[in-house]
Amino acid sequence: VQLVESGGDLVQPGGSLRLSCVASGLRFETYWMYWVRQAPGKGLEWISTITRDGRTDYAESVEGRFTTSRDNAKNTLYLEMNSLKSDDTAVYFCSTDSDGRQRGQGTPVTVSS
């Protein structure tokens, strides 16, 4: 299984970003997928889940600001992030489990003015 995240960047508070995760080596359409993040000096934090049929769930810290979606035809997972805050600064990973044990290399997001 290979997961490759992209789209991270430096963005100002209040800004938006869209992250992508391309999956290979698995039947993507059969997997629940997850986004987790790791802020500087902290552990992994689960932030969202998307089921095989597109139902979503979010951590309270991102509810209403972040949206997870998937395109099974492209084996791709997305994370749309709006109203970004400095507390959202982290490396973001997609994963096939909510603990982030099987995750990609991550993409860094820095929210700063």
N, C-alpha and C. Protein backbone atom coordinates (compact mmCIF):
# COMPACT_ATOMS: atom_id res chain seq x y z
N VAL A 1 0.85 -1.19 0.00
CA VAL A 1 0.00 0.00 0.00
C VAL A 1 0.89 1.25 0.00
N GLN A 2 0.54 2.18 -0.89
CA GLN A 2 1.28 3.45 -0.92
C GLN A 2 0.28 4.59 -0.89
N LEU A 3 0.54 5.55 -0.02
CA LEU A 3 -0.30 6.73 0.11
C LEU A 3 0.61 7.94 -0.06
N VAL A 4 0.24 8.84 -0.98
CA VAL A 4 1.07 10.00 -1.27
C VAL A 4 0.23 11.26 -1.13
N GLU A 5 0.54 12.06 -0.11
CA GLU A 5 -0.17 13.30 0.14
C GLU A 5 0.52 14.46 -0.56
N SER A 6 -0.27 15.48 -0.89
CA SER A 6 0.27 16.69 -1.49
C SER A 6 -0.68 17.85 -1.20
N GLY A 7 -0.20 19.06 -1.48
CA GLY A 7 -1.04 20.24 -1.35
C GLY A 7 -0.74 21.12 -0.16
N GLY A 8 0.12 20.66 0.73
CA GLY A 8 0.46 21.48 1.88
C GLY A 8 1.23 22.73 1.47
N ASP A 9 1.08 23.78 2.29
CA ASP A 9 1.71 25.06 1.94
C ASP A 9 1.69 25.98 3.14
N LEU A 10 2.29 27.14 2.98
CA LEU A 10 2.20 28.22 3.96
C LEU A 10 0.98 29.07 3.61
N VAL A 11 0.11 29.29 4.56
CA VAL A 11 -1.12 30.04 4.30
C VAL A 11 -1.39 30.96 5.48
N GLN A 12 -2.02 32.09 5.20
CA GLN A 12 -2.34 33.05 6.26
C GLN A 12 -3.56 32.59 7.04
N PRO A 13 -3.67 33.01 8.29
CA PRO A 13 -4.89 32.70 9.06
C PRO A 13 -6.13 33.15 8.30
N GLY A 14 -7.14 32.29 8.33
CA GLY A 14 -8.37 32.56 7.58
C GLY A 14 -8.35 32.04 6.16
N GLY A 15 -7.22 31.57 5.71
CA GLY A 15 -7.09 31.08 4.35
C GLY A 15 -7.58 29.66 4.18
N SER A 16 -7.40 29.16 2.97
CA SER A 16 -7.88 27.82 2.60
C SER A 16 -6.79 27.04 1.87
N LEU A 17 -6.90 25.74 1.99
CA LEU A 17 -6.03 24.82 1.26
C LEU A 17 -6.81 23.57 0.92
N ARG A 18 -6.38 22.89 -0.13
CA ARG A 18 -6.94 21.59 -0.47
C ARG A 18 -5.82 20.58 -0.55
N LEU A 19 -5.89 19.58 0.28
CA LEU A 19 -4.91 18.51 0.28
C LEU A 19 -5.44 17.33 -0.54
N SER A 20 -4.52 16.60 -1.13
CA SER A 20 -4.87 15.39 -1.88
C SER A 20 -4.05 14.22 -1.38
N CYS A 21 -4.57 13.04 -1.55
CA CYS A 21 -3.86 11.81 -1.19
C CYS A 21 -4.18 10.78 -2.26
N VAL A 22 -3.16 10.36 -2.99
CA VAL A 22 -3.33 9.34 -4.01
C VAL A 22 -2.92 8.00 -3.43
N ALA A 23 -3.80 7.03 -3.55
CA ALA A 23 -3.56 5.70 -2.99
C ALA A 23 -3.29 4.69 -4.10
N SER A 24 -2.40 3.75 -3.83
CA SER A 24 -2.12 2.67 -4.76
C SER A 24 -1.83 1.40 -3.97
N GLY A 25 -1.95 0.27 -4.66
CA GLY A 25 -1.68 -1.00 -4.00
C GLY A 25 -2.79 -1.52 -3.13
N LEU A 26 -3.98 -0.96 -3.28
CA LEU A 26 -5.13 -1.42 -2.51
C LEU A 26 -6.39 -1.16 -3.32
N ARG A 27 -7.46 -1.86 -2.97
CA ARG A 27 -8.75 -1.59 -3.60
C ARG A 27 -9.36 -0.41 -2.87
N PHE A 28 -9.01 0.77 -3.34
CA PHE A 28 -9.32 2.01 -2.63
C PHE A 28 -10.80 2.11 -2.32
N GLU A 29 -11.63 1.71 -3.23
CA GLU A 29 -13.07 1.91 -3.07
C GLU A 29 -13.65 1.09 -1.92
N THR A 30 -12.90 0.11 -1.44
CA THR A 30 -13.40 -0.74 -0.36
C THR A 30 -12.95 -0.27 1.03
N TYR A 31 -12.09 0.73 1.05
CA TYR A 31 -11.50 1.17 2.31
C TYR A 31 -12.21 2.41 2.88
N TRP A 32 -12.44 2.42 4.19
CA TRP A 32 -12.66 3.67 4.90
C TRP A 32 -11.30 4.37 4.92
N MET A 33 -11.31 5.68 4.76
CA MET A 33 -10.06 6.44 4.76
C MET A 33 -10.10 7.54 5.82
N TYR A 34 -8.92 7.93 6.24
CA TYR A 34 -8.81 8.85 7.37
C TYR A 34 -7.76 9.93 7.08
N TRP A 35 -7.96 11.07 7.67
CA TRP A 35 -6.92 12.09 7.75
C TRP A 35 -6.53 12.22 9.23
N VAL A 36 -5.23 12.26 9.44
CA VAL A 36 -4.69 12.53 10.77
C VAL A 36 -3.63 13.61 10.60
N ARG A 37 -3.28 14.25 11.70
CA ARG A 37 -2.26 15.30 11.62
C ARG A 37 -1.36 15.24 12.86
N GLN A 38 -0.19 15.81 12.71
CA GLN A 38 0.75 15.89 13.83
C GLN A 38 1.30 17.30 13.90
N ALA A 39 0.91 18.01 14.93
CA ALA A 39 1.42 19.36 15.16
C ALA A 39 2.82 19.28 15.76
N PRO A 40 3.60 20.33 15.63
CA PRO A 40 4.96 20.32 16.17
C PRO A 40 4.98 19.96 17.65
N GLY A 41 5.76 18.94 17.99
CA GLY A 41 5.92 18.54 19.38
C GLY A 41 4.77 17.77 19.97
N LYS A 42 3.79 17.38 19.14
CA LYS A 42 2.62 16.67 19.64
C LYS A 42 2.46 15.34 18.93
N GLY A 43 1.54 14.53 19.43
CA GLY A 43 1.27 13.24 18.83
C GLY A 43 0.29 13.33 17.68
N LEU A 44 0.00 12.18 17.07
CA LEU A 44 -0.95 12.14 15.97
C LEU A 44 -2.37 12.41 16.48
N GLU A 45 -3.10 13.17 15.69
CA GLU A 45 -4.48 13.54 16.03
C GLU A 45 -5.38 13.15 14.86
N TRP A 46 -6.39 12.32 15.13
CA TRP A 46 -7.38 12.00 14.11
C TRP A 46 -8.22 13.24 13.85
N ILE A 47 -8.49 13.53 12.55
CA ILE A 47 -9.32 14.67 12.26
C ILE A 47 -10.51 14.35 11.38
N SER A 48 -10.45 13.30 10.55
CA SER A 48 -11.63 12.99 9.77
C SER A 48 -11.62 11.56 9.28
N THR A 49 -12.84 11.09 9.00
CA THR A 49 -13.09 9.76 8.45
C THR A 49 -14.04 9.89 7.28
N ILE A 50 -13.83 9.08 6.25
CA ILE A 50 -14.81 8.98 5.18
C ILE A 50 -15.02 7.50 4.90
N THR A 51 -16.28 7.08 4.88
CA THR A 51 -16.59 5.68 4.65
C THR A 51 -16.51 5.35 3.17
N ARG A 52 -16.70 4.06 2.86
CA ARG A 52 -16.66 3.62 1.46
C ARG A 52 -17.70 4.37 0.62
N ASP A 53 -18.85 4.64 1.23
CA ASP A 53 -19.91 5.28 0.46
C ASP A 53 -20.00 6.78 0.70
N GLY A 54 -18.95 7.37 1.30
CA GLY A 54 -18.86 8.82 1.37
C GLY A 54 -19.40 9.49 2.61
N ARG A 55 -19.83 8.72 3.60
CA ARG A 55 -20.26 9.35 4.86
C ARG A 55 -19.04 9.84 5.61
N THR A 56 -19.15 10.98 6.26
CA THR A 56 -18.00 11.60 6.90
C THR A 56 -18.22 11.86 8.38
N ASP A 57 -17.11 11.98 9.08
CA ASP A 57 -17.11 12.32 10.50
C ASP A 57 -15.86 13.14 10.76
N TYR A 58 -15.95 14.10 11.68
CA TYR A 58 -14.87 15.03 11.91
C TYR A 58 -14.60 15.22 13.40
N ALA A 59 -13.35 15.51 13.70
CA ALA A 59 -13.01 15.93 15.06
C ALA A 59 -13.64 17.28 15.34
N GLU A 60 -13.94 17.51 16.59
CA GLU A 60 -14.57 18.77 16.97
C GLU A 60 -13.71 19.96 16.57
N SER A 61 -12.40 19.78 16.59
CA SER A 61 -11.48 20.89 16.31
C SER A 61 -11.56 21.38 14.87
N VAL A 62 -12.09 20.56 13.96
CA VAL A 62 -12.14 20.95 12.55
C VAL A 62 -13.56 20.94 11.99
N GLU A 63 -14.53 20.47 12.78
CA GLU A 63 -15.91 20.39 12.34
C GLU A 63 -16.39 21.74 11.83
N GLY A 64 -16.99 21.73 10.64
CA GLY A 64 -17.52 22.97 10.06
C GLY A 64 -16.51 23.76 9.25
N ARG A 65 -15.24 23.41 9.35
CA ARG A 65 -14.21 24.12 8.59
C ARG A 65 -13.54 23.22 7.55
N PHE A 66 -13.45 21.94 7.85
CA PHE A 66 -12.79 20.98 6.97
C PHE A 66 -13.82 20.07 6.34
N THR A 67 -13.55 19.66 5.09
CA THR A 67 -14.43 18.73 4.39
C THR A 67 -13.59 17.65 3.71
N THR A 68 -13.93 16.41 4.01
CA THR A 68 -13.27 15.27 3.38
C THR A 68 -14.14 14.73 2.26
N SER A 69 -13.49 14.38 1.16
CA SER A 69 -14.20 13.75 0.05
C SER A 69 -13.27 12.74 -0.62
N ARG A 70 -13.85 11.96 -1.50
CA ARG A 70 -13.05 10.96 -2.20
C ARG A 70 -13.55 10.81 -3.63
N ASP A 71 -12.61 10.44 -4.50
CA ASP A 71 -12.94 10.11 -5.89
C ASP A 71 -12.40 8.71 -6.11
N ASN A 72 -13.28 7.73 -6.02
CA ASN A 72 -12.84 6.33 -6.12
C ASN A 72 -12.30 6.00 -7.51
N ALA A 73 -12.77 6.68 -8.52
CA ALA A 73 -12.27 6.43 -9.88
C ALA A 73 -10.82 6.86 -10.03
N LYS A 74 -10.40 7.82 -9.20
CA LYS A 74 -9.03 8.32 -9.25
C LYS A 74 -8.18 7.83 -8.08
N ASN A 75 -8.76 6.96 -7.24
CA ASN A 75 -8.04 6.49 -6.04
C ASN A 75 -7.50 7.65 -5.23
N THR A 76 -8.29 8.69 -5.09
CA THR A 76 -7.81 9.90 -4.45
C THR A 76 -8.74 10.36 -3.34
N LEU A 77 -8.12 10.77 -2.25
CA LEU A 77 -8.79 11.32 -1.08
C LEU A 77 -8.45 12.80 -1.00
N TYR A 78 -9.42 13.60 -0.57
CA TYR A 78 -9.21 15.04 -0.48
C TYR A 78 -9.54 15.56 0.91
N LEU A 79 -8.90 16.68 1.26
CA LEU A 79 -9.25 17.40 2.48
C LEU A 79 -9.28 18.89 2.13
N GLU A 80 -10.48 19.43 2.13
CA GLU A 80 -10.68 20.86 1.88
C GLU A 80 -10.65 21.54 3.24
N MET A 81 -9.74 22.50 3.40
CA MET A 81 -9.58 23.17 4.69
C MET A 81 -9.86 24.66 4.53
N ASN A 82 -10.80 25.16 5.28
CA ASN A 82 -11.17 26.57 5.24
C ASN A 82 -11.02 27.20 6.62
N SER A 83 -11.01 28.52 6.65
CA SER A 83 -10.91 29.27 7.91
C SER A 83 -9.76 28.74 8.76
N LEU A 84 -8.62 28.60 8.14
CA LEU A 84 -7.48 28.00 8.83
C LEU A 84 -6.99 28.88 9.97
N LYS A 85 -6.55 28.22 11.03
CA LYS A 85 -6.05 28.87 12.22
C LYS A 85 -4.61 28.44 12.47
N SER A 86 -3.90 29.18 13.29
CA SER A 86 -2.53 28.81 13.60
C SER A 86 -2.46 27.42 14.25
N ASP A 87 -3.49 27.05 14.98
CA ASP A 87 -3.53 25.72 15.61
C ASP A 87 -3.63 24.59 14.60
N ASP A 88 -3.93 24.91 13.34
CA ASP A 88 -4.00 23.88 12.29
C ASP A 88 -2.63 23.58 11.71
N THR A 89 -1.61 24.31 12.12
CA THR A 89 -0.26 24.04 11.65
C THR A 89 0.16 22.63 12.07
N ALA A 90 0.50 21.81 11.08
CA ALA A 90 0.82 20.41 11.34
C ALA A 90 1.26 19.75 10.04
N VAL A 91 1.77 18.54 10.17
CA VAL A 91 1.95 17.68 9.02
C VAL A 91 0.68 16.83 8.91
N TYR A 92 0.09 16.81 7.73
CA TYR A 92 -1.16 16.11 7.50
C TYR A 92 -0.90 14.81 6.73
N PHE A 93 -1.52 13.75 7.23
CA PHE A 93 -1.34 12.42 6.66
C PHE A 93 -2.70 11.83 6.31
N CYS A 94 -2.76 11.09 5.21
CA CYS A 94 -3.90 10.23 4.99
C CYS A 94 -3.52 8.84 5.46
N SER A 95 -4.51 8.07 5.83
CA SER A 95 -4.24 6.78 6.44
C SER A 95 -5.39 5.82 6.18
N THR A 96 -5.09 4.54 6.24
CA THR A 96 -6.13 3.52 6.12
C THR A 96 -6.66 3.09 7.48
N ASP A 97 -6.18 3.71 8.54
CA ASP A 97 -6.70 3.44 9.87
C ASP A 97 -6.73 4.74 10.67
N SER A 98 -7.59 4.79 11.66
CA SER A 98 -7.78 6.04 12.40
C SER A 98 -6.61 6.39 13.31
N ASP A 99 -5.74 5.44 13.59
CA ASP A 99 -4.57 5.71 14.43
C ASP A 99 -3.38 6.21 13.63
N GLY A 100 -3.52 6.17 12.29
CA GLY A 100 -2.42 6.63 11.46
C GLY A 100 -1.25 5.67 11.36
N ARG A 101 -1.49 4.40 11.71
CA ARG A 101 -0.39 3.44 11.67
C ARG A 101 0.06 3.19 10.24
N GLN A 102 -0.88 3.15 9.30
CA GLN A 102 -0.52 2.98 7.90
C GLN A 102 -0.85 4.28 7.18
N ARG A 103 0.11 5.15 7.13
CA ARG A 103 -0.08 6.48 6.58
C ARG A 103 1.00 6.80 5.56
N GLY A 104 0.79 7.87 4.83
CA GLY A 104 1.78 8.31 3.86
C GLY A 104 2.90 9.09 4.54
N GLN A 105 3.66 9.81 3.70
CA GLN A 105 4.80 10.57 4.22
C GLN A 105 4.38 11.93 4.76
N GLY A 106 3.16 12.33 4.44
CA GLY A 106 2.62 13.57 4.97
C GLY A 106 2.93 14.78 4.11
N THR A 107 2.12 15.82 4.31
CA THR A 107 2.34 17.10 3.64
C THR A 107 2.20 18.19 4.69
N PRO A 108 3.17 19.12 4.76
CA PRO A 108 3.15 20.12 5.83
C PRO A 108 2.25 21.30 5.52
N VAL A 109 1.51 21.72 6.52
CA VAL A 109 0.67 22.90 6.44
C VAL A 109 1.11 23.86 7.54
N THR A 110 1.42 25.07 7.14
CA THR A 110 1.80 26.10 8.10
C THR A 110 0.83 27.28 7.97
N VAL A 111 0.20 27.62 9.07
CA VAL A 111 -0.74 28.74 9.08
C VAL A 111 -0.10 29.86 9.88
N SER A 112 0.29 30.90 9.19
CA SER A 112 1.01 31.99 9.84
C SER A 112 0.91 33.25 9.00
N SER A 113 0.89 34.37 9.67
CA SER A 113 0.89 35.65 8.96
C SER A 113 2.33 36.15 8.78
